Amino acid sequence: MKSLPLFHRVAGQPVVVLGEGPAAEAKRRLVARAGGDVVADLQAGIEQGARLAFVALADPAMAEAAALRLRRAGLLVNVVDRPALCDFTTPSILDRDPVQIAIGTDGASAGLAKHLRLRLEALLPEGLGALAQALAAAREALRERWPDAVERRRALDAALVQGGPLDPLAEHGIQAVANWLRGDGSKAQGGRIEFAVASDDPDQLTLRQLQLLGAAEAILFDRGVAPAILDRARADARRHELPYDGPLPEGLVLVLRRG
């Protein structure tokens, strides 16, 4: 990756947007949609403590000068249609508030990002945001049901997996989370599973293998397994190169063999 995807909270905060015309207006709408306060004057934005700025000036020299001045004042800057001058880019956003999926191409093609978003729009149910809100509201109930953090995460993984009682790609009623908590809790998969990795390309993994990588508590791997494959595992999953005889956490342990 050349960029680190982040969600930057701007609600109630000043955000500089310079310029006129359709491009600048689009950035103003984007900032307003996220709850930010649009500031149209460069110096005023700096004085108000803005941390982000969009520059949509038609004159290239003026746009570059404004970007330099803003950057020197400590702001992160996006210059419309000038990727080389950008500290950050704006993704195509799929909104199921509070769930957001941001699709970016590091400035390579906004059109590609848009069409990927449109495809995903058809896959994600409208009730996905409500499911997220219900899970947030049930946080204390989840802690009571599963006091141990590892057990709690395993139960959630089992519920949210494809075909599970809280499958995020399925439509759910407003009582889905409460009904799940009253049920058996969907026992999560544990133990040790081994599979062979024949390619360095993670796109060659099966959906089942990707799900296992995303759920595993620990990964044991041959030296020949590509880093790109390991990157598909959870960031907090423990990783150990084989042979390994040390202690392992409870839960799902994956063994990846090069084959």
C-alpha atoms as a PDB file:
ATOM      1  CA  MET A   1       0.000   0.000   0.000  1.00  0.00           C
ATOM      2  CA  LYS A   2       1.102   3.560  -0.676  1.00  0.00           C
ATOM      3  CA  SER A   3      -1.584   5.142   1.512  1.00  0.00           C
ATOM      4  CA  LEU A   4      -3.008   4.328   4.945  1.00  0.00           C
ATOM      5  CA  PRO A   5      -6.833   4.362   4.883  1.00  0.00           C
ATOM      6  CA  LEU A   6      -8.222   6.321   7.838  1.00  0.00           C
ATOM      7  CA  PHE A   7     -11.575   7.752   8.886  1.00  0.00           C
ATOM      8  CA  HIS A   8     -11.004  11.357   9.970  1.00  0.00           C
ATOM      9  CA  ARG A   9     -13.688  12.860  12.235  1.00  0.00           C
ATOM     10  CA  VAL A  10     -14.622  16.371  11.121  1.00  0.00           C
ATOM     11  CA  ALA A  11     -18.069  16.820  12.707  1.00  0.00           C
ATOM     12  CA  GLY A  12     -18.178  20.282  14.272  1.00  0.00           C
ATOM     13  CA  GLN A  13     -14.650  21.058  13.053  1.00  0.00           C
ATOM     14  CA  PRO A  14     -13.519  23.713  10.530  1.00  0.00           C
ATOM     15  CA  VAL A  15     -12.419  22.404   7.127  1.00  0.00           C
ATOM     16  CA  VAL A  16     -10.950  24.705   4.477  1.00  0.00           C
ATOM     17  CA  VAL A  17     -12.451  24.484   0.978  1.00  0.00           C
ATOM     18  CA  LEU A  18     -10.977  26.915  -1.546  1.00  0.00           C
ATOM     19  CA  GLY A  19     -12.352  27.591  -5.026  1.00  0.00           C
ATOM     20  CA  GLU A  20     -15.536  27.966  -7.022  1.00  0.00           C
ATOM     21  CA  GLY A  21     -17.309  25.782  -9.537  1.00  0.00           C
ATOM     22  CA  PRO A  22     -18.505  22.163  -9.557  1.00  0.00           C
ATOM     23  CA  ALA A  23     -15.339  20.637  -8.053  1.00  0.00           C
ATOM     24  CA  ALA A  24     -15.283  23.006  -5.087  1.00  0.00           C
ATOM     25  CA  GLU A  25     -19.023  22.642  -4.573  1.00  0.00           C
ATOM     26  CA  ALA A  26     -18.654  18.849  -4.476  1.00  0.00           C
ATOM     27  CA  LYS A  27     -16.025  19.146  -1.731  1.00  0.00           C
ATOM     28  CA  ARG A  28     -18.233  21.536   0.251  1.00  0.00           C
ATOM     29  CA  ARG A  29     -21.097  19.057   0.079  1.00  0.00           C
ATOM     30  CA  LEU A  30     -18.786  16.258   1.186  1.00  0.00           C
ATOM     31  CA  VAL A  31     -17.574  18.230   4.216  1.00  0.00           C
ATOM     32  CA  ALA A  32     -21.110  19.290   5.151  1.00  0.00           C
ATOM     33  CA  ARG A  33     -22.335  15.697   4.816  1.00  0.00           C
ATOM     34  CA  ALA A  34     -19.717  14.644   7.383  1.00  0.00           C
ATOM     35  CA  GLY A  35     -20.812  17.426   9.750  1.00  0.00           C
ATOM     36  CA  GLY A  36     -17.813  19.695   9.174  1.00  0.00           C
ATOM     37  CA  ASP A  37     -17.891  23.512   9.080  1.00  0.00           C
ATOM     38  CA  VAL A  38     -16.807  24.756   5.661  1.00  0.00           C
ATOM     39  CA  VAL A  39     -14.345  27.673   5.737  1.00  0.00           C
ATOM     40  CA  ALA A  40     -13.822  29.400   2.382  1.00  0.00           C
ATOM     41  CA  ASP A  41     -10.940  31.660   3.441  1.00  0.00           C
ATOM     42  CA  LEU A  42      -7.431  30.220   3.730  1.00  0.00           C
ATOM     43  CA  GLN A  43      -6.176  32.406   6.574  1.00  0.00           C
ATOM     44  CA  ALA A  44      -9.426  32.141   8.502  1.00  0.00           C
ATOM     45  CA  GLY A  45      -9.219  28.358   8.317  1.00  0.00           C
ATOM     46  CA  ILE A  46      -5.673  28.383   9.674  1.00  0.00           C
ATOM     47  CA  GLU A  47      -6.647  30.721  12.522  1.00  0.00           C
ATOM     48  CA  GLN A  48      -9.658  28.543  13.418  1.00  0.00           C
ATOM     49  CA  GLY A  49      -7.454  25.478  13.752  1.00  0.00           C
ATOM     50  CA  ALA A  50      -8.547  23.556  10.677  1.00  0.00           C
ATOM     51  CA  ARG A  51      -6.703  20.292  10.118  1.00  0.00           C
ATOM     52  CA  LEU A  52      -7.899  19.472   6.596  1.00  0.00           C
ATOM     53  CA  ALA A  53      -8.083  21.540   3.413  1.00  0.00           C
ATOM     54  CA  PHE A  54      -9.451  21.028  -0.088  1.00  0.00           C
ATOM     55  CA  VAL A  55      -8.032  23.222  -2.851  1.00  0.00           C
ATOM     56  CA  ALA A  56     -10.141  23.478  -6.019  1.00  0.00           C
ATOM     57  CA  LEU A  57      -8.627  26.592  -7.603  1.00  0.00           C
ATOM     58  CA  ALA A  58      -8.680  26.723 -11.406  1.00  0.00           C
ATOM     59  CA  ASP A  59      -5.251  28.350 -11.742  1.00  0.00           C
ATOM     60  CA  PRO A  60      -2.536  25.665 -11.253  1.00  0.00           C
ATOM     61  CA  ALA A  61       0.029  28.123  -9.845  1.00  0.00           C
ATOM     62  CA  MET A  62      -2.462  29.532  -7.346  1.00  0.00           C
ATOM     63  CA  ALA A  63      -3.543  26.038  -6.323  1.00  0.00           C
ATOM     64  CA  GLU A  64       0.063  24.966  -5.714  1.00  0.00           C
ATOM     65  CA  ALA A  65       0.847  28.117  -3.744  1.00  0.00           C
ATOM     66  CA  ALA A  66      -2.249  27.700  -1.581  1.00  0.00           C
ATOM     67  CA  ALA A  67      -1.404  24.053  -0.935  1.00  0.00           C
ATOM     68  CA  LEU A  68       2.134  24.976   0.111  1.00  0.00           C
ATOM     69  CA  ARG A  69       0.912  27.675   2.492  1.00  0.00           C
ATOM     70  CA  LEU A  70      -1.670  25.391   4.069  1.00  0.00           C
ATOM     71  CA  ARG A  71       0.811  22.552   4.432  1.00  0.00           C
ATOM     72  CA  ARG A  72       3.316  24.852   6.124  1.00  0.00           C
ATOM     73  CA  ALA A  73       0.587  25.767   8.600  1.00  0.00           C
ATOM     74  CA  GLY A  74       0.217  22.083   9.496  1.00  0.00           C
ATOM     75  CA  LEU A  75      -2.883  21.145   7.478  1.00  0.00           C
ATOM     76  CA  LEU A  76      -3.318  18.016   5.389  1.00  0.00           C
ATOM     77  CA  VAL A  77      -4.183  19.123   1.848  1.00  0.00           C
ATOM     78  CA  ASN A  78      -6.120  17.691  -1.079  1.00  0.00           C
ATOM     79  CA  VAL A  79      -5.668  19.494  -4.413  1.00  0.00           C
ATOM     80  CA  VAL A  80      -8.389  18.534  -6.882  1.00  0.00           C
ATOM     81  CA  ASP A  81      -7.060  16.661  -9.937  1.00  0.00           C
ATOM     82  CA  ARG A  82      -3.443  17.057  -8.755  1.00  0.00           C
ATOM     83  CA  PRO A  83      -2.531  13.758  -7.039  1.00  0.00           C
ATOM     84  CA  ALA A  84       1.135  14.727  -6.722  1.00  0.00           C
ATOM     85  CA  LEU A  85       0.146  17.682  -4.510  1.00  0.00           C
ATOM     86  CA  CYS A  86      -2.208  15.693  -2.268  1.00  0.00           C
ATOM     87  CA  ASP A  87      -1.504  14.579   1.284  1.00  0.00           C
ATOM     88  CA  PHE A  88      -4.739  12.596   1.135  1.00  0.00           C
ATOM     89  CA  THR A  89      -7.297  11.568  -1.446  1.00  0.00           C
ATOM     90  CA  THR A  90     -11.071  11.303  -1.088  1.00  0.00           C
ATOM     91  CA  PRO A  91     -12.558   7.851  -1.693  1.00  0.00           C
ATOM     92  CA  SER A  92     -15.837   6.831  -3.222  1.00  0.00           C
ATOM     93  CA  ILE A  93     -18.054   6.304  -0.177  1.00  0.00           C
ATOM     94  CA  LEU A  94     -20.679   3.641   0.380  1.00  0.00           C
ATOM     95  CA  ASP A  95     -22.783   4.887   3.279  1.00  0.00           C
ATOM     96  CA  ARG A  96     -24.780   2.655   5.599  1.00  0.00           C
ATOM     97  CA  ASP A  97     -24.369   4.920   8.605  1.00  0.00           C
ATOM     98  CA  PRO A  98     -22.603   4.157  10.881  1.00  0.00           C
ATOM     99  CA  VAL A  99     -21.034   1.615   8.513  1.00  0.00           C
ATOM    100  CA  GLN A 100     -18.948   3.251   5.809  1.00  0.00           C
ATOM    101  CA  ILE A 101     -16.964   1.596   3.054  1.00  0.00           C
ATOM    102  CA  ALA A 102     -14.411   3.846   1.393  1.00  0.00           C
ATOM    103  CA  ILE A 103     -13.015   2.782  -1.985  1.00  0.00           C
ATOM    104  CA  GLY A 104      -9.862   4.515  -3.135  1.00  0.00           C
ATOM    105  CA  THR A 105      -7.387   4.115  -5.982  1.00  0.00           C
ATOM    106  CA  ASP A 106      -4.681   6.479  -4.648  1.00  0.00           C
ATOM    107  CA  GLY A 107      -5.789   8.998  -7.266  1.00  0.00           C
ATOM    108  CA  ALA A 108      -5.403   6.577 -10.186  1.00  0.00           C
ATOM    109  CA  SER A 109      -9.059   6.528 -11.289  1.00  0.00           C
ATOM    110  CA  ALA A 110     -12.064   8.069  -9.563  1.00  0.00           C
ATOM    111  CA  GLY A 111     -14.275   6.388 -12.166  1.00  0.00           C
ATOM    112  CA  LEU A 112     -13.056   2.936 -11.209  1.00  0.00           C
ATOM    113  CA  ALA A 113     -13.694   3.642  -7.521  1.00  0.00           C
ATOM    114  CA  LYS A 114     -17.205   4.853  -8.334  1.00  0.00           C
ATOM    115  CA  HIS A 115     -18.157   1.749 -10.288  1.00  0.00           C
ATOM    116  CA  LEU A 116     -16.781  -0.551  -7.612  1.00  0.00           C
ATOM    117  CA  ARG A 117     -18.957   1.322  -5.120  1.00  0.00           C
ATOM    118  CA  LEU A 118     -22.015   0.942  -7.342  1.00  0.00           C
ATOM    119  CA  ARG A 119     -21.457  -2.822  -7.530  1.00  0.00           C
ATOM    120  CA  LEU A 120     -21.114  -3.058  -3.759  1.00  0.00           C
ATOM    121  CA  GLU A 121     -24.239  -0.920  -3.256  1.00  0.00           C
ATOM    122  CA  ALA A 122     -26.262  -3.758  -4.731  1.00  0.00           C
ATOM    123  CA  LEU A 123     -24.729  -6.282  -2.316  1.00  0.00           C
ATOM    124  CA  LEU A 124     -25.073  -4.519   1.021  1.00  0.00           C
ATOM    125  CA  PRO A 125     -28.552  -4.441   2.584  1.00  0.00           C
ATOM    126  CA  GLU A 126     -30.059  -1.153   3.691  1.00  0.00           C
ATOM    127  CA  GLY A 127     -30.360  -2.509   7.232  1.00  0.00           C
ATOM    128  CA  LEU A 128     -26.589  -2.910   7.675  1.00  0.00           C
ATOM    129  CA  GLY A 129     -26.327   0.351   9.599  1.00  0.00           C
ATOM    130  CA  ALA A 130     -29.120  -0.704  11.938  1.00  0.00           C
ATOM    131  CA  LEU A 131     -27.266  -3.969  12.623  1.00  0.00           C
ATOM    132  CA  ALA A 132     -24.147  -1.991  13.564  1.00  0.00           C
ATOM    133  CA  GLN A 133     -26.165   0.265  15.874  1.00  0.00           C
ATOM    134  CA  ALA A 134     -27.781  -2.759  17.519  1.00  0.00           C
ATOM    135  CA  LEU A 135     -24.372  -4.325  18.156  1.00  0.00           C
ATOM    136  CA  ALA A 136     -23.143  -1.068  19.675  1.00  0.00           C
ATOM    137  CA  ALA A 137     -26.192  -0.889  21.936  1.00  0.00           C
ATOM    138  CA  ALA A 138     -25.610  -4.498  23.005  1.00  0.00           C
ATOM    139  CA  ARG A 139     -21.969  -3.939  24.006  1.00  0.00           C
ATOM    140  CA  GLU A 140     -22.620  -4.323  27.736  1.00  0.00           C
ATOM    141  CA  ALA A 141     -24.855  -7.334  27.191  1.00  0.00           C
ATOM    142  CA  LEU A 142     -22.097  -8.941  25.130  1.00  0.00           C
ATOM    143  CA  ARG A 143     -19.605  -8.364  27.943  1.00  0.00           C
ATOM    144  CA  GLU A 144     -21.986  -9.928  30.440  1.00  0.00           C
ATOM    145  CA  ARG A 145     -22.597 -12.963  28.230  1.00  0.00           C
ATOM    146  CA  TRP A 146     -18.907 -13.449  27.392  1.00  0.00           C
ATOM    147  CA  PRO A 147     -16.700 -11.698  29.991  1.00  0.00           C
ATOM    148  CA  ASP A 148     -13.552 -12.990  28.312  1.00  0.00           C
ATOM    149  CA  ALA A 149     -12.569 -10.842  25.313  1.00  0.00           C
ATOM    150  CA  VAL A 150     -11.338 -13.785  23.257  1.00  0.00           C
ATOM    151  CA  GLU A 151     -14.555 -15.751  23.780  1.00  0.00           C
ATOM    152  CA  ARG A 152     -16.584 -12.653  22.963  1.00  0.00           C
ATOM    153  CA  ARG A 153     -14.720 -12.119  19.691  1.00  0.00           C
ATOM    154  CA  ARG A 154     -15.102 -15.782  18.735  1.00  0.00           C
ATOM    155  CA  ALA A 155     -18.854 -15.666  19.375  1.00  0.00           C
ATOM    156  CA  LEU A 156     -19.200 -12.549  17.239  1.00  0.00           C
ATOM    157  CA  ASP A 157     -17.120 -14.101  14.466  1.00  0.00           C
ATOM    158  CA  ALA A 158     -19.393 -17.124  14.420  1.00  0.00           C
ATOM    159  CA  ALA A 159     -22.542 -14.966  14.354  1.00  0.00           C
ATOM    160  CA  LEU A 160     -21.307 -12.639  11.595  1.00  0.00           C
ATOM    161  CA  VAL A 161     -19.906 -15.319   9.298  1.00  0.00           C
ATOM    162  CA  GLN A 162     -21.661 -16.052   6.007  1.00  0.00           C
ATOM    163  CA  GLY A 163     -24.931 -17.810   6.816  1.00  0.00           C
ATOM    164  CA  GLY A 164     -24.642 -16.954  10.511  1.00  0.00           C
ATOM    165  CA  PRO A 165     -27.477 -15.474  12.560  1.00  0.00           C
ATOM    166  CA  LEU A 166     -26.049 -11.955  12.089  1.00  0.00           C
ATOM    167  CA  ASP A 167     -24.655 -12.348   8.557  1.00  0.00           C
ATOM    168  CA  PRO A 168     -24.058  -8.686   7.535  1.00  0.00           C
ATOM    169  CA  LEU A 169     -25.051  -9.376   3.921  1.00  0.00           C
ATOM    170  CA  ALA A 170     -28.507 -10.600   4.934  1.00  0.00           C
ATOM    171  CA  GLU A 171     -31.495  -8.517   5.947  1.00  0.00           C
ATOM    172  CA  HIS A 172     -32.318  -8.659   9.660  1.00  0.00           C
ATOM    173  CA  GLY A 173     -35.184  -7.475  11.813  1.00  0.00           C
ATOM    174  CA  ILE A 174     -34.640  -4.967  14.589  1.00  0.00           C
ATOM    175  CA  GLN A 175     -34.583  -7.777  17.187  1.00  0.00           C
ATOM    176  CA  ALA A 176     -31.894  -9.866  15.452  1.00  0.00           C
ATOM    177  CA  VAL A 177     -29.114  -9.075  17.930  1.00  0.00           C
ATOM    178  CA  ALA A 178     -31.369  -9.503  20.963  1.00  0.00           C
ATOM    179  CA  ASN A 179     -32.664 -12.821  19.618  1.00  0.00           C
ATOM    180  CA  TRP A 180     -29.111 -14.020  19.009  1.00  0.00           C
ATOM    181  CA  LEU A 181     -28.070 -13.114  22.554  1.00  0.00           C
ATOM    182  CA  ARG A 182     -31.037 -15.053  23.936  1.00  0.00           C
ATOM    183  CA  GLY A 183     -30.074 -18.102  21.862  1.00  0.00           C
ATOM    184  CA  ASP A 184     -27.086 -20.410  22.107  1.00  0.00           C
ATOM    185  CA  GLY A 185     -24.577 -17.726  21.170  1.00  0.00           C
ATOM    186  CA  SER A 186     -23.390 -19.538  18.053  1.00  0.00           C
ATOM    187  CA  LYS A 187     -20.387 -21.429  19.286  1.00  0.00           C
ATOM    188  CA  ALA A 188     -17.307 -20.300  17.438  1.00  0.00           C
ATOM    189  CA  GLN A 189     -14.974 -22.580  15.627  1.00  0.00           C
ATOM    190  CA  GLY A 190     -11.857 -23.504  17.525  1.00  0.00           C
ATOM    191  CA  GLY A 191      -9.022 -25.977  17.235  1.00  0.00           C
ATOM    192  CA  ARG A 192      -6.319 -26.317  14.619  1.00  0.00           C
ATOM    193  CA  ILE A 193      -6.883 -26.228  10.858  1.00  0.00           C
ATOM    194  CA  GLU A 194      -4.232 -26.720   8.203  1.00  0.00           C
ATOM    195  CA  PHE A 195      -4.328 -25.893   4.520  1.00  0.00           C
ATOM    196  CA  ALA A 196      -1.808 -25.641   1.684  1.00  0.00           C
ATOM    197  CA  VAL A 197      -1.038 -22.346  -0.030  1.00  0.00           C
ATOM    198  CA  ALA A 198      -0.119 -22.941  -3.661  1.00  0.00           C
ATOM    199  CA  SER A 199       0.169 -19.342  -4.829  1.00  0.00           C
ATOM    200  CA  ASP A 200       1.606 -16.026  -3.638  1.00  0.00           C
ATOM    201  CA  ASP A 201      -1.555 -14.290  -4.881  1.00  0.00           C
ATOM    202  CA  PRO A 202      -4.198 -13.856  -2.132  1.00  0.00           C
ATOM    203  CA  ASP A 203      -6.867 -13.617  -4.828  1.00  0.00           C
ATOM    204  CA  GLN A 204      -6.310 -17.342  -5.421  1.00  0.00           C
ATOM    205  CA  LEU A 205      -7.513 -18.181  -1.915  1.00  0.00           C
ATOM    206  CA  THR A 206     -10.987 -19.627  -1.564  1.00  0.00           C
ATOM    207  CA  LEU A 207     -13.706 -17.743   0.279  1.00  0.00           C
ATOM    208  CA  ARG A 208     -13.501 -20.328   3.070  1.00  0.00           C
ATOM    209  CA  GLN A 209      -9.746 -19.799   3.415  1.00  0.00           C
ATOM    210  CA  LEU A 210     -10.200 -16.034   3.567  1.00  0.00           C
ATOM    211  CA  GLN A 211     -12.834 -16.455   6.289  1.00  0.00           C
ATOM    212  CA  LEU A 212     -10.479 -18.660   8.289  1.00  0.00           C
ATOM    213  CA  LEU A 213      -7.658 -16.132   7.969  1.00  0.00           C
ATOM    214  CA  GLY A 214      -9.985 -13.405   9.161  1.00  0.00           C
ATOM    215  CA  ALA A 215     -11.106 -15.398  12.214  1.00  0.00           C
ATOM    216  CA  ALA A 216      -7.890 -17.103  13.367  1.00  0.00           C
ATOM    217  CA  GLU A 217      -6.346 -16.227  16.712  1.00  0.00           C
ATOM    218  CA  ALA A 218      -2.913 -17.435  15.575  1.00  0.00           C
ATOM    219  CA  ILE A 219      -1.187 -18.276  12.289  1.00  0.00           C
ATOM    220  CA  LEU A 220       1.627 -20.821  11.969  1.00  0.00           C
ATOM    221  CA  PHE A 221       3.254 -20.636   8.552  1.00  0.00           C
ATOM    222  CA  ASP A 222       6.013 -22.058   6.382  1.00  0.00           C
ATOM    223  CA  ARG A 223       8.744 -19.644   5.381  1.00  0.00           C
ATOM    224  CA  GLY A 224       7.581 -19.916   1.765  1.00  0.00           C
ATOM    225  CA  VAL A 225       4.134 -18.443   2.463  1.00  0.00           C
ATOM    226  CA  ALA A 226       4.019 -14.989   0.891  1.00  0.00           C
ATOM    227  CA  PRO A 227       3.549 -11.884   3.078  1.00  0.00           C
ATOM    228  CA  ALA A 228       0.577 -10.931   0.870  1.00  0.00           C
ATOM    229  CA  ILE A 229      -1.216 -14.060   2.100  1.00  0.00           C
ATOM    230  CA  LEU A 230      -0.466 -13.302   5.746  1.00  0.00           C
ATOM    231  CA  ASP A 231      -1.733  -9.744   5.253  1.00  0.00           C
ATOM    232  CA  ARG A 232      -5.234 -11.174   4.838  1.00  0.00           C
ATOM    233  CA  ALA A 233      -5.201 -12.349   8.454  1.00  0.00           C
ATOM    234  CA  ARG A 234      -6.444 -10.214  11.331  1.00  0.00           C
ATOM    235  CA  ALA A 235      -3.923  -7.574  12.342  1.00  0.00           C
ATOM    236  CA  ASP A 236      -3.966  -8.789  15.961  1.00  0.00           C
ATOM    237  CA  ALA A 237      -3.585 -12.491  15.110  1.00  0.00           C
ATOM    238  CA  ARG A 238      -0.357 -13.936  16.473  1.00  0.00           C
ATOM    239  CA  ARG A 239       2.074 -15.088  13.766  1.00  0.00           C
ATOM    240  CA  HIS A 240       4.776 -17.737  14.190  1.00  0.00           C
ATOM    241  CA  GLU A 241       7.052 -19.237  11.571  1.00  0.00           C
ATOM    242  CA  LEU A 242       7.207 -23.028  11.565  1.00  0.00           C
ATOM    243  CA  PRO A 243       8.529 -25.020  13.327  1.00  0.00           C
ATOM    244  CA  TYR A 244       6.981 -23.564  16.482  1.00  0.00           C
ATOM    245  CA  ASP A 245       6.500 -25.336  19.800  1.00  0.00           C
ATOM    246  CA  GLY A 246       5.556 -22.371  21.986  1.00  0.00           C
ATOM    247  CA  PRO A 247       2.228 -21.571  23.659  1.00  0.00           C
ATOM    248  CA  LEU A 248      -0.791 -20.697  21.539  1.00  0.00           C
ATOM    249  CA  PRO A 249      -4.055 -18.924  22.422  1.00  0.00           C
ATOM    250  CA  GLU A 250      -7.354 -20.732  22.657  1.00  0.00           C
ATOM    251  CA  GLY A 251      -9.539 -20.587  19.608  1.00  0.00           C
ATOM    252  CA  LEU A 252      -8.832 -21.099  15.944  1.00  0.00           C
ATOM    253  CA  VAL A 253      -5.202 -21.759  14.997  1.00  0.00           C
ATOM    254  CA  LEU A 254      -4.318 -21.918  11.275  1.00  0.00           C
ATOM    255  CA  VAL A 255      -1.330 -23.769   9.924  1.00  0.00           C
ATOM    256  CA  LEU A 256      -0.315 -22.590   6.448  1.00  0.00           C
ATOM    257  CA  ARG A 257       1.886 -24.926   4.439  1.00  0.00           C
ATOM    258  CA  ARG A 258       3.498 -23.999   1.161  1.00  0.00           C
ATOM    259  CA  GLY A 259       2.247 -26.531  -1.333  1.00  0.00           C
END
